């Protein structure tokens, strides 16, 4: 509850519900563009070993990579058209 109060986590659930909640969260994450998810995971992994400035540079570089992808364009189109995006991992 303290971690939630200070913003460290976005949800607190009883232990008995942990796995079902984790699965639901996983479905939400995996519903996003696969390239973006992969780069987010990489940024988290690498970011643990970096300073804040280095992490911000990594994030900017990843954003630059994603900006040139078909998935980024599809995501923006889908948002504007109020529909679910059809990501292709390209």
PDB file of N, CA and C in Angstrom:
ATOM      1  N   UNK A   1       0.825  -1.193   0.000  1.00  0.00           N
ATOM      2  CA  UNK A   1       0.000   0.000   0.000  1.00  0.00           C
ATOM      3  C   UNK A   1       0.869   1.257   0.000  1.00  0.00           C
ATOM      4  N   UNK A   2       1.988   1.214   0.705  1.00  0.00           N
ATOM      5  CA  UNK A   2       2.898   2.369   0.740  1.00  0.00           C
ATOM      6  C   UNK A   2       3.491   2.619  -0.646  1.00  0.00           C
ATOM      7  N   UNK A   3       3.875   1.556  -1.345  1.00  0.00           N
ATOM      8  CA  UNK A   3       4.434   1.706  -2.695  1.00  0.00           C
ATOM      9  C   UNK A   3       3.412   2.360  -3.627  1.00  0.00           C
ATOM     10  N   UNK A   4       2.153   2.021  -3.472  1.00  0.00           N
ATOM     11  CA  UNK A   4       1.098   2.633  -4.276  1.00  0.00           C
ATOM     12  C   UNK A   4       0.943   4.106  -3.913  1.00  0.00           C
ATOM     13  N   UNK A   5       0.945   4.388  -2.630  1.00  0.00           N
ATOM     14  CA  UNK A   5       0.757   5.758  -2.158  1.00  0.00           C
ATOM     15  C   UNK A   5       1.827   6.698  -2.698  1.00  0.00           C
ATOM     16  N   UNK A   6       3.071   6.224  -2.791  1.00  0.00           N
ATOM     17  CA  UNK A   6       4.156   7.095  -3.255  1.00  0.00           C
ATOM     18  C   UNK A   6       4.389   6.992  -4.765  1.00  0.00           C
ATOM     19  N   UNK A   7       3.545   6.218  -5.466  1.00  0.00           N
ATOM     20  CA  UNK A   7       3.624   6.147  -6.918  1.00  0.00           C
ATOM     21  C   UNK A   7       4.631   5.167  -7.475  1.00  0.00           C
ATOM     22  N   UNK A   8       5.135   4.276  -6.642  1.00  0.00           N
ATOM     23  CA  UNK A   8       6.106   3.283  -7.098  1.00  0.00           C
ATOM     24  C   UNK A   8       5.443   2.173  -7.908  1.00  0.00           C
ATOM     25  N   UNK A   9       4.206   1.859  -7.590  1.00  0.00           N
ATOM     26  CA  UNK A   9       3.422   0.870  -8.330  1.00  0.00           C
ATOM     27  C   UNK A   9       2.074   1.484  -8.678  1.00  0.00           C
ATOM     28  N   UNK A  10       1.426   0.946  -9.702  1.00  0.00           N
ATOM     29  CA  UNK A  10       0.136   1.511 -10.100  1.00  0.00           C
ATOM     30  C   UNK A  10      -1.057   0.673  -9.663  1.00  0.00           C
ATOM     31  N   UNK A  11      -0.780  -0.437  -8.984  1.00  0.00           N
ATOM     32  CA  UNK A  11      -1.870  -1.292  -8.529  1.00  0.00           C
ATOM     33  C   UNK A  11      -1.384  -2.170  -7.386  1.00  0.00           C
ATOM     34  N   UNK A  12      -2.253  -2.405  -6.419  1.00  0.00           N
ATOM     35  CA  UNK A  12      -1.983  -3.337  -5.322  1.00  0.00           C
ATOM     36  C   UNK A  12      -3.146  -4.320  -5.295  1.00  0.00           C
ATOM     37  N   UNK A  13      -2.815  -5.613  -5.276  1.00  0.00           N
ATOM     38  CA  UNK A  13      -3.858  -6.639  -5.274  1.00  0.00           C
ATOM     39  C   UNK A  13      -3.556  -7.658  -4.186  1.00  0.00           C
ATOM     40  N   UNK A  14      -4.582  -8.346  -3.713  1.00  0.00           N
ATOM     41  CA  UNK A  14      -4.343  -9.422  -2.749  1.00  0.00           C
ATOM     42  C   UNK A  14      -3.481 -10.516  -3.382  1.00  0.00           C
ATOM     43  N   UNK A  15      -2.702 -11.192  -2.574  1.00  0.00           N
ATOM     44  CA  UNK A  15      -1.791 -12.232  -3.061  1.00  0.00           C
ATOM     45  C   UNK A  15      -2.520 -13.283  -3.893  1.00  0.00           C
ATOM     46  N   UNK A  16      -3.730 -13.618  -3.505  1.00  0.00           N
ATOM     47  CA  UNK A  16      -4.488 -14.645  -4.225  1.00  0.00           C
ATOM     48  C   UNK A  16      -4.835 -14.221  -5.653  1.00  0.00           C
ATOM     49  N   UNK A  17      -4.848 -12.929  -5.923  1.00  0.00           N
ATOM     50  CA  UNK A  17      -5.192 -12.423  -7.255  1.00  0.00           C
ATOM     51  C   UNK A  17      -3.962 -12.028  -8.066  1.00  0.00           C
ATOM     52  N   UNK A  18      -2.785 -12.168  -7.509  1.00  0.00           N
ATOM     53  CA  UNK A  18      -1.576 -11.652  -8.145  1.00  0.00           C
ATOM     54  C   UNK A  18      -1.363 -12.200  -9.555  1.00  0.00           C
ATOM     55  N   UNK A  19      -1.412 -13.506  -9.732  1.00  0.00           N
ATOM     56  CA  UNK A  19      -1.133 -14.086 -11.047  1.00  0.00           C
ATOM     57  C   UNK A  19      -2.193 -13.711 -12.078  1.00  0.00           C
ATOM     58  N   UNK A  20      -3.458 -13.703 -11.694  1.00  0.00           N
ATOM     59  CA  UNK A  20      -4.492 -13.335 -12.669  1.00  0.00           C
ATOM     60  C   UNK A  20      -4.356 -11.865 -13.062  1.00  0.00           C
ATOM     61  N   UNK A  21      -4.035 -11.007 -12.113  1.00  0.00           N
ATOM     62  CA  UNK A  21      -3.818  -9.587 -12.423  1.00  0.00           C
ATOM     63  C   UNK A  21      -2.584  -9.404 -13.295  1.00  0.00           C
ATOM     64  N   UNK A  22      -1.528 -10.160 -13.004  1.00  0.00           N
ATOM     65  CA  UNK A  22      -0.301 -10.073 -13.808  1.00  0.00           C
ATOM     66  C   UNK A  22      -0.577 -10.516 -15.244  1.00  0.00           C
ATOM     67  N   UNK A  23      -1.373 -11.548 -15.412  1.00  0.00           N
ATOM     68  CA  UNK A  23      -1.723 -12.017 -16.764  1.00  0.00           C
ATOM     69  C   UNK A  23      -2.520 -10.954 -17.524  1.00  0.00           C
ATOM     70  N   UNK A  24      -3.441 -10.308 -16.838  1.00  0.00           N
ATOM     71  CA  UNK A  24      -4.226  -9.244 -17.478  1.00  0.00           C
ATOM     72  C   UNK A  24      -3.322  -8.087 -17.892  1.00  0.00           C
ATOM     73  N   UNK A  25      -2.384  -7.739 -17.025  1.00  0.00           N
ATOM     74  CA  UNK A  25      -1.449  -6.664 -17.348  1.00  0.00           C
ATOM     75  C   UNK A  25      -0.575  -7.061 -18.540  1.00  0.00           C
ATOM     76  N   UNK A  26      -0.157  -8.319 -18.572  1.00  0.00           N
ATOM     77  CA  UNK A  26       0.653  -8.817 -19.679  1.00  0.00           C
ATOM     78  C   UNK A  26      -0.122  -8.725 -20.995  1.00  0.00           C
ATOM     79  N   UNK A  27      -1.408  -9.071 -20.982  1.00  0.00           N
ATOM     80  CA  UNK A  27      -2.225  -8.975 -22.189  1.00  0.00           C
ATOM     81  C   UNK A  27      -2.286  -7.534 -22.689  1.00  0.00           C
ATOM     82  N   UNK A  28      -2.419  -6.600 -21.768  1.00  0.00           N
ATOM     83  CA  UNK A  28      -2.457  -5.185 -22.138  1.00  0.00           C
ATOM     84  C   UNK A  28      -1.142  -4.760 -22.775  1.00  0.00           C
ATOM     85  N   UNK A  29      -0.037  -5.140 -22.154  1.00  0.00           N
ATOM     86  CA  UNK A  29       1.284  -4.773 -22.680  1.00  0.00           C
ATOM     87  C   UNK A  29       1.498  -5.392 -24.050  1.00  0.00           C
ATOM     88  N   UNK A  30       1.178  -6.669 -24.193  1.00  0.00           N
ATOM     89  CA  UNK A  30       1.407  -7.361 -25.459  1.00  0.00           C
ATOM     90  C   UNK A  30       0.460  -6.899 -26.562  1.00  0.00           C
ATOM     91  N   UNK A  31      -0.585  -6.175 -26.205  1.00  0.00           N
ATOM     92  CA  UNK A  31      -1.482  -5.600 -27.200  1.00  0.00           C
ATOM     93  C   UNK A  31      -0.902  -4.370 -27.868  1.00  0.00           C
ATOM     94  N   UNK A  32       0.215  -3.887 -27.368  1.00  0.00           N
ATOM     95  CA  UNK A  32       0.894  -2.737 -27.964  1.00  0.00           C
ATOM     96  C   UNK A  32       1.823  -3.215 -29.074  1.00  0.00           C
ATOM     97  N   UNK A  33       2.392  -2.273 -29.789  1.00  0.00           N
ATOM     98  CA  UNK A  33       3.287  -2.610 -30.891  1.00  0.00           C
ATOM     99  C   UNK A  33       4.481  -3.415 -30.414  1.00  0.00           C
ATOM    100  N   UNK A  34       4.788  -4.520 -31.085  1.00  0.00           N
ATOM    101  CA  UNK A  34       5.883  -5.384 -30.635  1.00  0.00           C
ATOM    102  C   UNK A  34       7.245  -4.698 -30.645  1.00  0.00           C
ATOM    103  N   UNK A  35       7.473  -3.803 -31.595  1.00  0.00           N
ATOM    104  CA  UNK A  35       8.759  -3.093 -31.620  1.00  0.00           C
ATOM    105  C   UNK A  35       8.880  -2.170 -30.411  1.00  0.00           C
ATOM    106  N   UNK A  36       7.808  -1.463 -30.107  1.00  0.00           N
ATOM    107  CA  UNK A  36       7.822  -0.554 -28.961  1.00  0.00           C
ATOM    108  C   UNK A  36       7.991  -1.324 -27.657  1.00  0.00           C
ATOM    109  N   UNK A  37       7.302  -2.444 -27.525  1.00  0.00           N
ATOM    110  CA  UNK A  37       7.423  -3.257 -26.309  1.00  0.00           C
ATOM    111  C   UNK A  37       8.853  -3.760 -26.155  1.00  0.00           C
ATOM    112  N   UNK A  38       9.441  -4.247 -27.248  1.00  0.00           N
ATOM    113  CA  UNK A  38      10.818  -4.758 -27.187  1.00  0.00           C
ATOM    114  C   UNK A  38      11.796  -3.666 -26.779  1.00  0.00           C
ATOM    115  N   UNK A  39      11.634  -2.467 -27.342  1.00  0.00           N
ATOM    116  CA  UNK A  39      12.547  -1.379 -26.984  1.00  0.00           C
ATOM    117  C   UNK A  39      12.308  -0.892 -25.556  1.00  0.00           C
ATOM    118  N   UNK A  40      11.080  -0.945 -25.088  1.00  0.00           N
ATOM    119  CA  UNK A  40      10.807  -0.590 -23.686  1.00  0.00           C
ATOM    120  C   UNK A  40      11.493  -1.569 -22.743  1.00  0.00           C
ATOM    121  N   UNK A  41      11.395  -2.851 -23.053  1.00  0.00           N
ATOM    122  CA  UNK A  41      12.047  -3.863 -22.217  1.00  0.00           C
ATOM    123  C   UNK A  41      13.556  -3.646 -22.222  1.00  0.00           C
ATOM    124  N   UNK A  42      14.111  -3.376 -23.400  1.00  0.00           N
ATOM    125  CA  UNK A  42      15.550  -3.108 -23.480  1.00  0.00           C
ATOM    126  C   UNK A  42      15.928  -1.880 -22.661  1.00  0.00           C
ATOM    127  N   UNK A  43      15.125  -0.823 -22.763  1.00  0.00           N
ATOM    128  CA  UNK A  43      15.419   0.399 -22.014  1.00  0.00           C
ATOM    129  C   UNK A  43      15.369   0.154 -20.509  1.00  0.00           C
ATOM    130  N   UNK A  44      14.422  -0.641 -20.071  1.00  0.00           N
ATOM    131  CA  UNK A  44      14.337  -0.963 -18.640  1.00  0.00           C
ATOM    132  C   UNK A  44      15.563  -1.746 -18.208  1.00  0.00           C
ATOM    133  N   UNK A  45      15.906  -2.775 -18.975  1.00  0.00           N
ATOM    134  CA  UNK A  45      17.076  -3.597 -18.633  1.00  0.00           C
ATOM    135  C   UNK A  45      18.356  -2.771 -18.618  1.00  0.00           C
ATOM    136  N   UNK A  46      18.585  -2.020 -19.680  1.00  0.00           N
ATOM    137  CA  UNK A  46      19.814  -1.228 -19.766  1.00  0.00           C
ATOM    138  C   UNK A  46      19.787  -0.036 -18.819  1.00  0.00           C
ATOM    139  N   UNK A  47      18.609   0.518 -18.607  1.00  0.00           N
ATOM    140  CA  UNK A  47      18.478   1.700 -17.768  1.00  0.00           C
ATOM    141  C   UNK A  47      18.866   1.475 -16.320  1.00  0.00           C
ATOM    142  N   UNK A  48      18.782   0.245 -15.874  1.00  0.00           N
ATOM    143  CA  UNK A  48      19.162  -0.058 -14.492  1.00  0.00           C
ATOM    144  C   UNK A  48      20.634   0.215 -14.237  1.00  0.00           C
ATOM    145  N   UNK A  49      21.436   0.206 -15.291  1.00  0.00           N
ATOM    146  CA  UNK A  49      22.883   0.401 -15.174  1.00  0.00           C
ATOM    147  C   UNK A  49      23.320   1.798 -15.608  1.00  0.00           C
ATOM    148  N   UNK A  50      22.387   2.703 -15.857  1.00  0.00           N
ATOM    149  CA  UNK A  50      22.717   4.016 -16.416  1.00  0.00           C
ATOM    150  C   UNK A  50      22.357   5.141 -15.469  1.00  0.00           C
ATOM    151  N   UNK A  51      22.986   6.275 -15.720  1.00  0.00           N
ATOM    152  CA  UNK A  51      22.581   7.496 -15.029  1.00  0.00           C
ATOM    153  C   UNK A  51      21.278   7.985 -15.660  1.00  0.00           C
ATOM    154  N   UNK A  52      20.627   8.936 -15.023  1.00  0.00           N
ATOM    155  CA  UNK A  52      19.394   9.496 -15.571  1.00  0.00           C
ATOM    156  C   UNK A  52      19.655  10.112 -16.940  1.00  0.00           C
ATOM    157  N   UNK A  53      20.730  10.870 -17.077  1.00  0.00           N
ATOM    158  CA  UNK A  53      21.043  11.497 -18.365  1.00  0.00           C
ATOM    159  C   UNK A  53      21.249  10.458 -19.461  1.00  0.00           C
ATOM    160  N   UNK A  54      21.973   9.393 -19.154  1.00  0.00           N
ATOM    161  CA  UNK A  54      22.193   8.327 -20.138  1.00  0.00           C
ATOM    162  C   UNK A  54      20.875   7.649 -20.504  1.00  0.00           C
ATOM    163  N   UNK A  55      20.022   7.445 -19.506  1.00  0.00           N
ATOM    164  CA  UNK A  55      18.722   6.830 -19.755  1.00  0.00           C
ATOM    165  C   UNK A  55      17.839   7.688 -20.641  1.00  0.00           C
ATOM    166  N   UNK A  56      17.881   8.992 -20.439  1.00  0.00           N
ATOM    167  CA  UNK A  56      17.087   9.892 -21.274  1.00  0.00           C
ATOM    168  C   UNK A  56      17.585   9.894 -22.717  1.00  0.00           C
ATOM    169  N   UNK A  57      18.901   9.793 -22.894  1.00  0.00           N
ATOM    170  CA  UNK A  57      19.464   9.704 -24.243  1.00  0.00           C
ATOM    171  C   UNK A  57      19.021   8.398 -24.906  1.00  0.00           C
ATOM    172  N   UNK A  58      19.072   7.302 -24.159  1.00  0.00           N
ATOM    173  CA  UNK A  58      18.622   6.011 -24.692  1.00  0.00           C
ATOM    174  C   UNK A  58      17.153   6.087 -25.100  1.00  0.00           C
ATOM    175  N   UNK A  59      16.334   6.680 -24.248  1.00  0.00           N
ATOM    176  CA  UNK A  59      14.908   6.817 -24.556  1.00  0.00           C
ATOM    177  C   UNK A  59      14.697   7.634 -25.829  1.00  0.00           C
ATOM    178  N   UNK A  60      15.424   8.728 -25.971  1.00  0.00           N
ATOM    179  CA  UNK A  60      15.306   9.559 -27.174  1.00  0.00           C
ATOM    180  C   UNK A  60      15.742   8.785 -28.418  1.00  0.00           C
ATOM    181  N   UNK A  61      16.809   8.008 -28.291  1.00  0.00           N
ATOM    182  CA  UNK A  61      17.264   7.196 -29.422  1.00  0.00           C
ATOM    183  C   UNK A  61      16.219   6.154 -29.813  1.00  0.00           C
ATOM    184  N   UNK A  62      15.627   5.518 -28.818  1.00  0.00           N
ATOM    185  CA  UNK A  62      14.596   4.523 -29.107  1.00  0.00           C
ATOM    186  C   UNK A  62      13.386   5.171 -29.766  1.00  0.00           C
ATOM    187  N   UNK A  63      13.010   6.341 -29.280  1.00  0.00           N
ATOM    188  CA  UNK A  63      11.879   7.042 -29.894  1.00  0.00           C
ATOM    189  C   UNK A  63      12.184   7.348 -31.358  1.00  0.00           C
ATOM    190  N   UNK A  64      13.416   7.779 -31.626  1.00  0.00           N
ATOM    191  CA  UNK A  64      13.815   8.054 -33.002  1.00  0.00           C
ATOM    192  C   UNK A  64      13.718   6.820 -33.883  1.00  0.00           C
ATOM    193  N   UNK A  65      14.130   5.676 -33.355  1.00  0.00           N
ATOM    194  CA  UNK A  65      14.023   4.423 -34.113  1.00  0.00           C
ATOM    195  C   UNK A  65      12.563   4.085 -34.404  1.00  0.00           C
ATOM    196  N   UNK A  66      11.719   4.241 -33.398  1.00  0.00           N
ATOM    197  CA  UNK A  66      10.304   3.886 -33.560  1.00  0.00           C
ATOM    198  C   UNK A  66       9.567   4.848 -34.479  1.00  0.00           C
ATOM    199  N   UNK A  67       9.989   6.107 -34.500  1.00  0.00           N
ATOM    200  CA  UNK A  67       9.294   7.113 -35.306  1.00  0.00           C
ATOM    201  C   UNK A  67       9.316   6.776 -36.789  1.00  0.00           C
ATOM    202  N   UNK A  68      10.287   5.992 -37.214  1.00  0.00           N
ATOM    203  CA  UNK A  68      10.418   5.652 -38.630  1.00  0.00           C
ATOM    204  C   UNK A  68       9.734   4.334 -38.992  1.00  0.00           C
ATOM    205  N   UNK A  69       8.968   3.762 -38.079  1.00  0.00           N
ATOM    206  CA  UNK A  69       8.382   2.444 -38.333  1.00  0.00           C
ATOM    207  C   UNK A  69       6.943   2.531 -38.838  1.00  0.00           C
ATOM    208  N   UNK A  70       6.545   1.483 -39.540  1.00  0.00           N
ATOM    209  CA  UNK A  70       5.150   1.367 -39.971  1.00  0.00           C
ATOM    210  C   UNK A  70       4.225   1.282 -38.760  1.00  0.00           C
ATOM    211  N   UNK A  71       4.677   0.592 -37.713  1.00  0.00           N
ATOM    212  CA  UNK A  71       3.846   0.447 -36.512  1.00  0.00           C
ATOM    213  C   UNK A  71       3.531   1.802 -35.881  1.00  0.00           C
ATOM    214  N   UNK A  72       4.491   2.712 -35.877  1.00  0.00           N
ATOM    215  CA  UNK A  72       4.249   4.043 -35.305  1.00  0.00           C
ATOM    216  C   UNK A  72       3.167   4.759 -36.114  1.00  0.00           C
ATOM    217  N   UNK A  73       3.294   4.697 -37.427  1.00  0.00           N
ATOM    218  CA  UNK A  73       2.284   5.343 -38.276  1.00  0.00           C
ATOM    219  C   UNK A  73       0.913   4.692 -38.093  1.00  0.00           C
ATOM    220  N   UNK A  74       0.897   3.369 -38.002  1.00  0.00           N
ATOM    221  CA  UNK A  74      -0.366   2.655 -37.793  1.00  0.00           C
ATOM    222  C   UNK A  74      -0.987   3.032 -36.453  1.00  0.00           C
ATOM    223  N   UNK A  75      -0.180   3.116 -35.419  1.00  0.00           N
ATOM    224  CA  UNK A  75      -0.690   3.494 -34.106  1.00  0.00           C
ATOM    225  C   UNK A  75      -1.303   4.882 -34.105  1.00  0.00           C
ATOM    226  N   UNK A  76      -0.639   5.811 -34.772  1.00  0.00           N
ATOM    227  CA  UNK A  76      -1.164   7.182 -34.836  1.00  0.00           C
ATOM    228  C   UNK A  76      -2.452   7.241 -35.656  1.00  0.00           C
ATOM    229  N   UNK A  77      -2.464   6.523 -36.789  1.00  0.00           N
ATOM    230  CA  UNK A  77      -3.690   6.484 -37.608  1.00  0.00           C
ATOM    231  C   UNK A  77      -4.849   5.878 -36.820  1.00  0.00           C
ATOM    232  N   UNK A  78      -4.579   4.772 -36.159  1.00  0.00           N
ATOM    233  CA  UNK A  78      -5.629   4.096 -35.387  1.00  0.00           C
ATOM    234  C   UNK A  78      -6.166   5.008 -34.288  1.00  0.00           C
ATOM    235  N   UNK A  79      -5.279   5.736 -33.632  1.00  0.00           N
ATOM    236  CA  UNK A  79      -5.712   6.661 -32.583  1.00  0.00           C
ATOM    237  C   UNK A  79      -6.638   7.724 -33.169  1.00  0.00           C
ATOM    238  N   UNK A  80      -6.225   8.326 -34.274  1.00  0.00           N
ATOM    239  CA  UNK A  80      -7.032   9.381 -34.890  1.00  0.00           C
ATOM    240  C   UNK A  80      -8.361   8.851 -35.412  1.00  0.00           C
ATOM    241  N   UNK A  81      -8.351   7.598 -35.872  1.00  0.00           N
ATOM    242  CA  UNK A  81      -9.570   6.982 -36.404  1.00  0.00           C
ATOM    243  C   UNK A  81     -10.379   6.262 -35.323  1.00  0.00           C
ATOM    244  N   UNK A  82      -9.903   6.341 -34.086  1.00  0.00           N
ATOM    245  CA  UNK A  82     -10.583   5.728 -32.936  1.00  0.00           C
ATOM    246  C   UNK A  82     -10.852   4.236 -33.153  1.00  0.00           C
ATOM    247  N   UNK A  83      -9.786   3.518 -33.549  1.00  0.00           N
ATOM    248  CA  UNK A  83      -9.889   2.075 -33.762  1.00  0.00           C
ATOM    249  C   UNK A  83      -8.670   1.390 -33.149  1.00  0.00           C
ATOM    250  N   UNK A  84      -8.752   0.086 -33.033  1.00  0.00           N
ATOM    251  CA  UNK A  84      -7.633  -0.694 -32.505  1.00  0.00           C
ATOM    252  C   UNK A  84      -6.562  -0.816 -33.584  1.00  0.00           C
ATOM    253  N   UNK A  85      -5.309  -0.529 -33.250  1.00  0.00           N
ATOM    254  CA  UNK A  85      -4.254  -0.638 -34.260  1.00  0.00           C
ATOM    255  C   UNK A  85      -3.962  -2.086 -34.627  1.00  0.00           C
ATOM    256  N   UNK A  86      -3.514  -2.279 -35.861  1.00  0.00           N
ATOM    257  CA  UNK A  86      -3.101  -3.601 -36.343  1.00  0.00           C
ATOM    258  C   UNK A  86      -1.589  -3.549 -36.554  1.00  0.00           C
ATOM    259  N   UNK A  87      -0.838  -3.792 -35.484  1.00  0.00           N
ATOM    260  CA  UNK A  87       0.617  -3.721 -35.556  1.00  0.00           C
ATOM    261  C   UNK A  87       1.177  -4.927 -36.293  1.00  0.00           C
ATOM    262  N   UNK A  88       2.251  -4.705 -37.055  1.00  0.00           N
ATOM    263  CA  UNK A  88       2.871  -5.769 -37.839  1.00  0.00           C
ATOM    264  C   UNK A  88       4.318  -6.030 -37.436  1.00  0.00           C
ATOM    265  N   UNK A  89       4.830  -5.256 -36.506  1.00  0.00           N
ATOM    266  CA  UNK A  89       6.224  -5.443 -36.108  1.00  0.00           C
ATOM    267  C   UNK A  89       7.193  -4.924 -37.152  1.00  0.00           C
ATOM    268  N   UNK A  90       6.768  -3.921 -37.908  1.00  0.00           N
ATOM    269  CA  UNK A  90       7.620  -3.337 -38.953  1.00  0.00           C
ATOM    270  C   UNK A  90       7.739  -1.842 -38.760  1.00  0.00           C
TER     271      UNK A  90
END
